Amino acid sequence: MNLYKSYVFRNKDPVIDETRTLVQDSGSSYAEISKDSGVSVTTLYAWFHGKTKRPQSASIEAVGRALGYKRVWQPDKKLAAKRRAKRK
């Protein structure tokens, strides 16, 4: 099953690295983040130090929100133009 047509990662989903950066920048402990997000310390550890390759989107969202962030989809004008050109 190919989940990503335009991007293939080898080891871990890049969202893990993005979330790790948010956690490190926050200075919060895993226990604090777990309390605020509802995501277990074990899950956080598995993302950053364990074997988890594809974390659940809802869990990533919960951790980001607990740290004061909001995920937003932004349009990519170049990509949209390429897609429109393909349809013609």
PDB file of N, CA and C in Angstrom:
ATOM      1  N   MET A   1       0.842  -1.169   0.000  1.00  0.00           N
ATOM      2  CA  MET A   1       0.000   0.000   0.000  1.00  0.00           C
ATOM      3  C   MET A   1       0.896   1.245   0.000  1.00  0.00           C
ATOM      4  N   ASN A   2       0.686   2.131  -0.945  1.00  0.00           N
ATOM      5  CA  ASN A   2       1.454   3.371  -1.035  1.00  0.00           C
ATOM      6  C   ASN A   2       0.597   4.519  -0.510  1.00  0.00           C
ATOM      7  N   LEU A   3       0.905   4.990   0.689  1.00  0.00           N
ATOM      8  CA  LEU A   3       0.111   6.052   1.294  1.00  0.00           C
ATOM      9  C   LEU A   3       0.500   7.432   0.788  1.00  0.00           C
ATOM     10  N   TYR A   4       1.749   7.588   0.411  1.00  0.00           N
ATOM     11  CA  TYR A   4       2.241   8.884  -0.034  1.00  0.00           C
ATOM     12  C   TYR A   4       2.694   8.771  -1.480  1.00  0.00           C
ATOM     13  N   LYS A   5       2.016   9.433  -2.379  1.00  0.00           N
ATOM     14  CA  LYS A   5       2.432   9.388  -3.781  1.00  0.00           C
ATOM     15  C   LYS A   5       3.564  10.361  -4.059  1.00  0.00           C
ATOM     16  N   SER A   6       3.574  11.495  -3.356  1.00  0.00           N
ATOM     17  CA  SER A   6       4.550  12.520  -3.681  1.00  0.00           C
ATOM     18  C   SER A   6       5.729  12.562  -2.712  1.00  0.00           C
ATOM     19  N   TYR A   7       5.641  11.811  -1.613  1.00  0.00           N
ATOM     20  CA  TYR A   7       6.729  11.842  -0.641  1.00  0.00           C
ATOM     21  C   TYR A   7       6.859  10.477  -0.002  1.00  0.00           C
ATOM     22  N   VAL A   8       8.051   9.936  -0.009  1.00  0.00           N
ATOM     23  CA  VAL A   8       8.299   8.647   0.613  1.00  0.00           C
ATOM     24  C   VAL A   8       9.410   8.830   1.644  1.00  0.00           C
ATOM     25  N   PHE A   9       9.104   8.518   2.886  1.00  0.00           N
ATOM     26  CA  PHE A   9      10.148   8.596   3.909  1.00  0.00           C
ATOM     27  C   PHE A   9      10.667   7.197   4.189  1.00  0.00           C
ATOM     28  N   ARG A  10      11.889   7.119   4.607  1.00  0.00           N
ATOM     29  CA  ARG A  10      12.535   5.822   4.793  1.00  0.00           C
ATOM     30  C   ARG A  10      12.386   5.295   6.222  1.00  0.00           C
ATOM     31  N   ASN A  11      12.584   6.140   7.209  1.00  0.00           N
ATOM     32  CA  ASN A  11      12.585   5.663   8.583  1.00  0.00           C
ATOM     33  C   ASN A  11      11.339   6.066   9.348  1.00  0.00           C
ATOM     34  N   LYS A  12      11.192   7.358   9.555  1.00  0.00           N
ATOM     35  CA  LYS A  12      10.063   7.857  10.338  1.00  0.00           C
ATOM     36  C   LYS A  12       9.395   9.011   9.615  1.00  0.00           C
ATOM     37  N   ASP A  13       8.116   9.147   9.862  1.00  0.00           N
ATOM     38  CA  ASP A  13       7.352  10.258   9.302  1.00  0.00           C
ATOM     39  C   ASP A  13       7.980  11.576   9.770  1.00  0.00           C
ATOM     40  N   PRO A  14       8.166  12.528   8.874  1.00  0.00           N
ATOM     41  CA  PRO A  14       8.780  13.807   9.246  1.00  0.00           C
ATOM     42  C   PRO A  14       8.019  14.565  10.333  1.00  0.00           C
ATOM     43  N   VAL A  15       6.741  14.255  10.532  1.00  0.00           N
ATOM     44  CA  VAL A  15       5.984  14.936  11.576  1.00  0.00           C
ATOM     45  C   VAL A  15       6.581  14.628  12.951  1.00  0.00           C
ATOM     46  N   ILE A  16       7.260  13.491  13.087  1.00  0.00           N
ATOM     47  CA  ILE A  16       7.915  13.169  14.353  1.00  0.00           C
ATOM     48  C   ILE A  16       9.031  14.170  14.626  1.00  0.00           C
ATOM     49  N   ASP A  17       9.841  14.481  13.622  1.00  0.00           N
ATOM     50  CA  ASP A  17      10.907  15.465  13.803  1.00  0.00           C
ATOM     51  C   ASP A  17      10.346  16.850  14.098  1.00  0.00           C
ATOM     52  N   GLU A  18       9.271  17.202  13.404  1.00  0.00           N
ATOM     53  CA  GLU A  18       8.652  18.506  13.639  1.00  0.00           C
ATOM     54  C   GLU A  18       8.134  18.606  15.071  1.00  0.00           C
ATOM     55  N   THR A  19       7.496  17.545  15.529  1.00  0.00           N
ATOM     56  CA  THR A  19       6.943  17.540  16.884  1.00  0.00           C
ATOM     57  C   THR A  19       8.055  17.513  17.920  1.00  0.00           C
ATOM     58  N   ARG A  20       9.130  16.772  17.649  1.00  0.00           N
ATOM     59  CA  ARG A  20      10.276  16.746  18.565  1.00  0.00           C
ATOM     60  C   ARG A  20      10.828  18.148  18.762  1.00  0.00           C
ATOM     61  N   THR A  21      10.918  18.902  17.692  1.00  0.00           N
ATOM     62  CA  THR A  21      11.413  20.274  17.785  1.00  0.00           C
ATOM     63  C   THR A  21      10.504  21.122  18.673  1.00  0.00           C
ATOM     64  N   LEU A  22       9.192  20.980  18.511  1.00  0.00           N
ATOM     65  CA  LEU A  22       8.253  21.729  19.349  1.00  0.00           C
ATOM     66  C   LEU A  22       8.439  21.364  20.822  1.00  0.00           C
ATOM     67  N   VAL A  23       8.590  20.069  21.085  1.00  0.00           N
ATOM     68  CA  VAL A  23       8.768  19.599  22.464  1.00  0.00           C
ATOM     69  C   VAL A  23      10.066  20.151  23.045  1.00  0.00           C
ATOM     70  N   GLN A  24      11.155  20.058  22.294  1.00  0.00           N
ATOM     71  CA  GLN A  24      12.444  20.555  22.783  1.00  0.00           C
ATOM     72  C   GLN A  24      12.394  22.058  23.031  1.00  0.00           C
ATOM     73  N   ASP A  25      11.801  22.797  22.103  1.00  0.00           N
ATOM     74  CA  ASP A  25      11.711  24.253  22.255  1.00  0.00           C
ATOM     75  C   ASP A  25      10.836  24.660  23.433  1.00  0.00           C
ATOM     76  N   SER A  26       9.877  23.819  23.788  1.00  0.00           N
ATOM     77  CA  SER A  26       8.969  24.152  24.886  1.00  0.00           C
ATOM     78  C   SER A  26       9.649  24.062  26.241  1.00  0.00           C
ATOM     79  N   GLY A  27      10.651  23.187  26.346  1.00  0.00           N
ATOM     80  CA  GLY A  27      11.310  22.976  27.631  1.00  0.00           C
ATOM     81  C   GLY A  27      10.466  22.154  28.598  1.00  0.00           C
ATOM     82  N   SER A  28       9.338  21.642  28.129  1.00  0.00           N
ATOM     83  CA  SER A  28       8.447  20.850  28.970  1.00  0.00           C
ATOM     84  C   SER A  28       8.919  19.401  29.038  1.00  0.00           C
ATOM     85  N   SER A  29       8.614  18.760  30.149  1.00  0.00           N
ATOM     86  CA  SER A  29       8.932  17.335  30.284  1.00  0.00           C
ATOM     87  C   SER A  29       7.848  16.520  29.601  1.00  0.00           C
ATOM     88  N   TYR A  30       8.172  15.263  29.318  1.00  0.00           N
ATOM     89  CA  TYR A  30       7.170  14.374  28.734  1.00  0.00           C
ATOM     90  C   TYR A  30       5.967  14.250  29.664  1.00  0.00           C
ATOM     91  N   ALA A  31       6.214  14.234  30.964  1.00  0.00           N
ATOM     92  CA  ALA A  31       5.121  14.109  31.939  1.00  0.00           C
ATOM     93  C   ALA A  31       4.184  15.315  31.866  1.00  0.00           C
ATOM     94  N   GLU A  32       4.751  16.511  31.735  1.00  0.00           N
ATOM     95  CA  GLU A  32       3.921  17.720  31.615  1.00  0.00           C
ATOM     96  C   GLU A  32       3.101  17.697  30.338  1.00  0.00           C
ATOM     97  N   ILE A  33       3.735  17.309  29.247  1.00  0.00           N
ATOM     98  CA  ILE A  33       3.051  17.256  27.956  1.00  0.00           C
ATOM     99  C   ILE A  33       1.957  16.201  27.995  1.00  0.00           C
ATOM    100  N   SER A  34       2.249  15.066  28.614  1.00  0.00           N
ATOM    101  CA  SER A  34       1.259  14.002  28.733  1.00  0.00           C
ATOM    102  C   SER A  34       0.040  14.476  29.511  1.00  0.00           C
ATOM    103  N   LYS A  35       0.283  15.158  30.595  1.00  0.00           N
ATOM    104  CA  LYS A  35      -0.822  15.668  31.424  1.00  0.00           C
ATOM    105  C   LYS A  35      -1.690  16.644  30.634  1.00  0.00           C
ATOM    106  N   ASP A  36      -1.063  17.525  29.863  1.00  0.00           N
ATOM    107  CA  ASP A  36      -1.794  18.553  29.120  1.00  0.00           C
ATOM    108  C   ASP A  36      -2.452  18.037  27.847  1.00  0.00           C
ATOM    109  N   SER A  37      -1.878  16.991  27.244  1.00  0.00           N
ATOM    110  CA  SER A  37      -2.368  16.521  25.943  1.00  0.00           C
ATOM    111  C   SER A  37      -3.210  15.251  26.012  1.00  0.00           C
ATOM    112  N   GLY A  38      -2.998  14.458  27.041  1.00  0.00           N
ATOM    113  CA  GLY A  38      -3.670  13.168  27.102  1.00  0.00           C
ATOM    114  C   GLY A  38      -2.915  12.072  26.363  1.00  0.00           C
ATOM    115  N   VAL A  39      -1.773  12.406  25.782  1.00  0.00           N
ATOM    116  CA  VAL A  39      -0.929  11.427  25.084  1.00  0.00           C
ATOM    117  C   VAL A  39       0.063  10.884  26.106  1.00  0.00           C
ATOM    118  N   SER A  40       0.162   9.568  26.215  1.00  0.00           N
ATOM    119  CA  SER A  40       0.986   8.977  27.270  1.00  0.00           C
ATOM    120  C   SER A  40       2.477   9.268  27.081  1.00  0.00           C
ATOM    121  N   VAL A  41       3.182   9.245  28.203  1.00  0.00           N
ATOM    122  CA  VAL A  41       4.636   9.404  28.181  1.00  0.00           C
ATOM    123  C   VAL A  41       5.260   8.297  27.348  1.00  0.00           C
ATOM    124  N   THR A  42       4.720   7.098  27.441  1.00  0.00           N
ATOM    125  CA  THR A  42       5.221   5.965  26.668  1.00  0.00           C
ATOM    126  C   THR A  42       5.117   6.231  25.173  1.00  0.00           C
ATOM    127  N   THR A  43       4.006   6.826  24.754  1.00  0.00           N
ATOM    128  CA  THR A  43       3.821   7.152  23.336  1.00  0.00           C
ATOM    129  C   THR A  43       4.834   8.202  22.895  1.00  0.00           C
ATOM    130  N   LEU A  44       5.019   9.230  23.691  1.00  0.00           N
ATOM    131  CA  LEU A  44       5.997  10.268  23.350  1.00  0.00           C
ATOM    132  C   LEU A  44       7.388   9.661  23.215  1.00  0.00           C
ATOM    133  N   TYR A  45       7.755   8.821  24.162  1.00  0.00           N
ATOM    134  CA  TYR A  45       9.059   8.179  24.112  1.00  0.00           C
ATOM    135  C   TYR A  45       9.191   7.317  22.852  1.00  0.00           C
ATOM    136  N   ALA A  46       8.136   6.581  22.517  1.00  0.00           N
ATOM    137  CA  ALA A  46       8.174   5.720  21.320  1.00  0.00           C
ATOM    138  C   ALA A  46       8.342   6.548  20.046  1.00  0.00           C
ATOM    139  N   TRP A  47       7.720   7.733  19.991  1.00  0.00           N
ATOM    140  CA  TRP A  47       7.886   8.596  18.817  1.00  0.00           C
ATOM    141  C   TRP A  47       9.336   9.023  18.650  1.00  0.00           C
ATOM    142  N   PHE A  48       9.897   9.529  19.728  1.00  0.00           N
ATOM    143  CA  PHE A  48      11.198  10.189  19.640  1.00  0.00           C
ATOM    144  C   PHE A  48      12.395   9.270  19.821  1.00  0.00           C
ATOM    145  N   HIS A  49      12.211   8.150  20.512  1.00  0.00           N
ATOM    146  CA  HIS A  49      13.335   7.257  20.808  1.00  0.00           C
ATOM    147  C   HIS A  49      13.060   5.807  20.437  1.00  0.00           C
ATOM    148  N   GLY A  50      11.837   5.500  20.084  1.00  0.00           N
ATOM    149  CA  GLY A  50      11.451   4.116  19.843  1.00  0.00           C
ATOM    150  C   GLY A  50      11.237   3.791  18.385  1.00  0.00           C
ATOM    151  N   LYS A  51      10.370   2.816  18.174  1.00  0.00           N
ATOM    152  CA  LYS A  51      10.173   2.272  16.835  1.00  0.00           C
ATOM    153  C   LYS A  51       8.975   2.848  16.092  1.00  0.00           C
ATOM    154  N   THR A  52       8.221   3.738  16.705  1.00  0.00           N
ATOM    155  CA  THR A  52       7.049   4.293  16.025  1.00  0.00           C
ATOM    156  C   THR A  52       7.482   5.009  14.753  1.00  0.00           C
ATOM    157  N   LYS A  53       6.851   4.659  13.639  1.00  0.00           N
ATOM    158  CA  LYS A  53       7.174   5.275  12.351  1.00  0.00           C
ATOM    159  C   LYS A  53       6.085   6.224  11.879  1.00  0.00           C
ATOM    160  N   ARG A  54       4.834   5.895  12.194  1.00  0.00           N
ATOM    161  CA  ARG A  54       3.710   6.709  11.723  1.00  0.00           C
ATOM    162  C   ARG A  54       2.745   6.969  12.881  1.00  0.00           C
ATOM    163  N   PRO A  55       2.948   8.054  13.603  1.00  0.00           N
ATOM    164  CA  PRO A  55       2.059   8.353  14.729  1.00  0.00           C
ATOM    165  C   PRO A  55       0.670   8.749  14.250  1.00  0.00           C
ATOM    166  N   GLN A  56      -0.307   8.578  15.116  1.00  0.00           N
ATOM    167  CA  GLN A  56      -1.666   8.965  14.773  1.00  0.00           C
ATOM    168  C   GLN A  56      -1.768  10.484  14.711  1.00  0.00           C
ATOM    169  N   SER A  57      -2.453  10.958  13.705  1.00  0.00           N
ATOM    170  CA  SER A  57      -2.607  12.398  13.510  1.00  0.00           C
ATOM    171  C   SER A  57      -3.263  13.067  14.723  1.00  0.00           C
ATOM    172  N   ALA A  58      -4.254  12.421  15.300  1.00  0.00           N
ATOM    173  CA  ALA A  58      -4.948  13.004  16.454  1.00  0.00           C
ATOM    174  C   ALA A  58      -4.000  13.175  17.641  1.00  0.00           C
ATOM    175  N   SER A  59      -3.073  12.255  17.815  1.00  0.00           N
ATOM    176  CA  SER A  59      -2.111  12.359  18.916  1.00  0.00           C
ATOM    177  C   SER A  59      -1.110  13.480  18.663  1.00  0.00           C
ATOM    178  N   ILE A  60      -0.649  13.588  17.427  1.00  0.00           N
ATOM    179  CA  ILE A  60       0.260  14.681  17.069  1.00  0.00           C
ATOM    180  C   ILE A  60      -0.438  16.016  17.307  1.00  0.00           C
ATOM    181  N   GLU A  61      -1.680  16.102  16.873  1.00  0.00           N
ATOM    182  CA  GLU A  61      -2.474  17.325  17.051  1.00  0.00           C
ATOM    183  C   GLU A  61      -2.618  17.658  18.527  1.00  0.00           C
ATOM    184  N   ALA A  62      -2.889  16.653  19.354  1.00  0.00           N
ATOM    185  CA  ALA A  62      -3.078  16.882  20.790  1.00  0.00           C
ATOM    186  C   ALA A  62      -1.808  17.427  21.439  1.00  0.00           C
ATOM    187  N   VAL A  63      -0.666  16.880  21.076  1.00  0.00           N
ATOM    188  CA  VAL A  63       0.601  17.356  21.637  1.00  0.00           C
ATOM    189  C   VAL A  63       0.873  18.788  21.176  1.00  0.00           C
ATOM    190  N   GLY A  64       0.676  19.046  19.893  1.00  0.00           N
ATOM    191  CA  GLY A  64       0.881  20.407  19.390  1.00  0.00           C
ATOM    192  C   GLY A  64      -0.006  21.418  20.094  1.00  0.00           C
ATOM    193  N   ARG A  65      -1.272  21.073  20.260  1.00  0.00           N
ATOM    194  CA  ARG A  65      -2.209  21.975  20.941  1.00  0.00           C
ATOM    195  C   ARG A  65      -1.796  22.193  22.391  1.00  0.00           C
ATOM    196  N   ALA A  66      -1.354  21.139  23.065  1.00  0.00           N
ATOM    197  CA  ALA A  66      -0.913  21.259  24.456  1.00  0.00           C
ATOM    198  C   ALA A  66       0.281  22.203  24.579  1.00  0.00           C
ATOM    199  N   LEU A  67       1.069  22.283  23.504  1.00  0.00           N
ATOM    200  CA  LEU A  67       2.235  23.167  23.503  1.00  0.00           C
ATOM    201  C   LEU A  67       1.922  24.552  22.948  1.00  0.00           C
ATOM    202  N   GLY A  68       0.665  24.770  22.559  1.00  0.00           N
ATOM    203  CA  GLY A  68       0.251  26.088  22.098  1.00  0.00           C
ATOM    204  C   GLY A  68       0.322  26.298  20.596  1.00  0.00           C
ATOM    205  N   TYR A  69       0.325  25.203  19.830  1.00  0.00           N
ATOM    206  CA  TYR A  69       0.397  25.299  18.374  1.00  0.00           C
ATOM    207  C   TYR A  69      -0.881  24.795  17.731  1.00  0.00           C
ATOM    208  N   LYS A  70      -1.087  25.207  16.485  1.00  0.00           N
ATOM    209  CA  LYS A  70      -2.230  24.785  15.701  1.00  0.00           C
ATOM    210  C   LYS A  70      -1.743  24.432  14.299  1.00  0.00           C
ATOM    211  N   ARG A  71      -2.073  23.231  13.819  1.00  0.00           N
ATOM    212  CA  ARG A  71      -1.691  22.832  12.461  1.00  0.00           C
ATOM    213  C   ARG A  71      -2.630  23.489  11.468  1.00  0.00           C
ATOM    214  N   VAL A  72      -2.046  23.973  10.386  1.00  0.00           N
ATOM    215  CA  VAL A  72      -2.837  24.659   9.367  1.00  0.00           C
ATOM    216  C   VAL A  72      -2.387  24.182   7.995  1.00  0.00           C
ATOM    217  N   TRP A  73      -3.358  23.840   7.146  1.00  0.00           N
ATOM    218  CA  TRP A  73      -3.061  23.520   5.752  1.00  0.00           C
ATOM    219  C   TRP A  73      -2.984  24.828   4.989  1.00  0.00           C
ATOM    220  N   GLN A  74      -1.878  25.026   4.305  1.00  0.00           N
ATOM    221  CA  GLN A  74      -1.696  26.240   3.526  1.00  0.00           C
ATOM    222  C   GLN A  74      -1.605  25.869   2.048  1.00  0.00           C
ATOM    223  N   PRO A  75      -2.236  26.679   1.200  1.00  0.00           N
ATOM    224  CA  PRO A  75      -2.164  26.372  -0.227  1.00  0.00           C
ATOM    225  C   PRO A  75      -0.753  26.593  -0.778  1.00  0.00           C
ATOM    226  N   ASP A  76      -0.371  25.731  -1.684  1.00  0.00           N
ATOM    227  CA  ASP A  76       0.901  25.852  -2.391  1.00  0.00           C
ATOM    228  C   ASP A  76       0.544  26.237  -3.825  1.00  0.00           C
ATOM    229  N   LYS A  77       0.738  27.487  -4.161  1.00  0.00           N
ATOM    230  CA  LYS A  77       0.297  27.991  -5.463  1.00  0.00           C
ATOM    231  C   LYS A  77       0.983  27.281  -6.628  1.00  0.00           C
ATOM    232  N   LYS A  78       2.261  26.970  -6.482  1.00  0.00           N
ATOM    233  CA  LYS A  78       2.974  26.278  -7.563  1.00  0.00           C
ATOM    234  C   LYS A  78       2.423  24.874  -7.775  1.00  0.00           C
ATOM    235  N   LEU A  79       2.197  24.156  -6.686  1.00  0.00           N
ATOM    236  CA  LEU A  79       1.655  22.812  -6.793  1.00  0.00           C
ATOM    237  C   LEU A  79       0.240  22.838  -7.359  1.00  0.00           C
ATOM    238  N   ALA A  80      -0.561  23.780  -6.928  1.00  0.00           N
ATOM    239  CA  ALA A  80      -1.931  23.901  -7.438  1.00  0.00           C
ATOM    240  C   ALA A  80      -1.921  24.178  -8.942  1.00  0.00           C
ATOM    241  N   ALA A  81      -1.014  25.015  -9.383  1.00  0.00           N
ATOM    242  CA  ALA A  81      -0.921  25.324 -10.815  1.00  0.00           C
ATOM    243  C   ALA A  81      -0.524  24.076 -11.615  1.00  0.00           C
ATOM    244  N   LYS A  82       0.390  23.285 -11.083  1.00  0.00           N
ATOM    245  CA  LYS A  82       0.792  22.050 -11.761  1.00  0.00           C
ATOM    246  C   LYS A  82      -0.391  21.082 -11.866  1.00  0.00           C
ATOM    247  N   ARG A  83      -1.156  20.979 -10.799  1.00  0.00           N
ATOM    248  CA  ARG A  83      -2.315  20.067 -10.799  1.00  0.00           C
ATOM    249  C   ARG A  83      -3.359  20.540 -11.813  1.00  0.00           C
ATOM    250  N   ARG A  84      -3.580  21.845 -11.878  1.00  0.00           N
ATOM    251  CA  ARG A  84      -4.536  22.373 -12.856  1.00  0.00           C
ATOM    252  C   ARG A  84      -4.074  22.087 -14.269  1.00  0.00           C
ATOM    253  N   ALA A  85      -2.762  22.252 -14.522  1.00  0.00           N
ATOM    254  CA  ALA A  85      -2.199  22.011 -15.854  1.00  0.00           C
ATOM    255  C   ALA A  85      -2.356  20.539 -16.245  1.00  0.00           C
ATOM    256  N   LYS A  86      -2.220  19.617 -15.298  1.00  0.00           N
ATOM    257  CA  LYS A  86      -2.383  18.195 -15.574  1.00  0.00           C
ATOM    258  C   LYS A  86      -3.799  17.860 -16.015  1.00  0.00           C
ATOM    259  N   ARG A  87      -4.773  18.526 -15.437  1.00  0.00           N
ATOM    260  CA  ARG A  87      -6.185  18.230 -15.719  1.00  0.00           C
ATOM    261  C   ARG A  87      -6.590  18.700 -17.111  1.00  0.00           C
ATOM    262  N   LYS A  88      -5.854  19.594 -17.695  1.00  0.00           N
ATOM    263  CA  LYS A  88      -6.226  20.133 -19.020  1.00  0.00           C
ATOM    264  C   LYS A  88      -5.858  19.201 -20.132  1.00  0.00           C
TER     265      LYS A  88
END
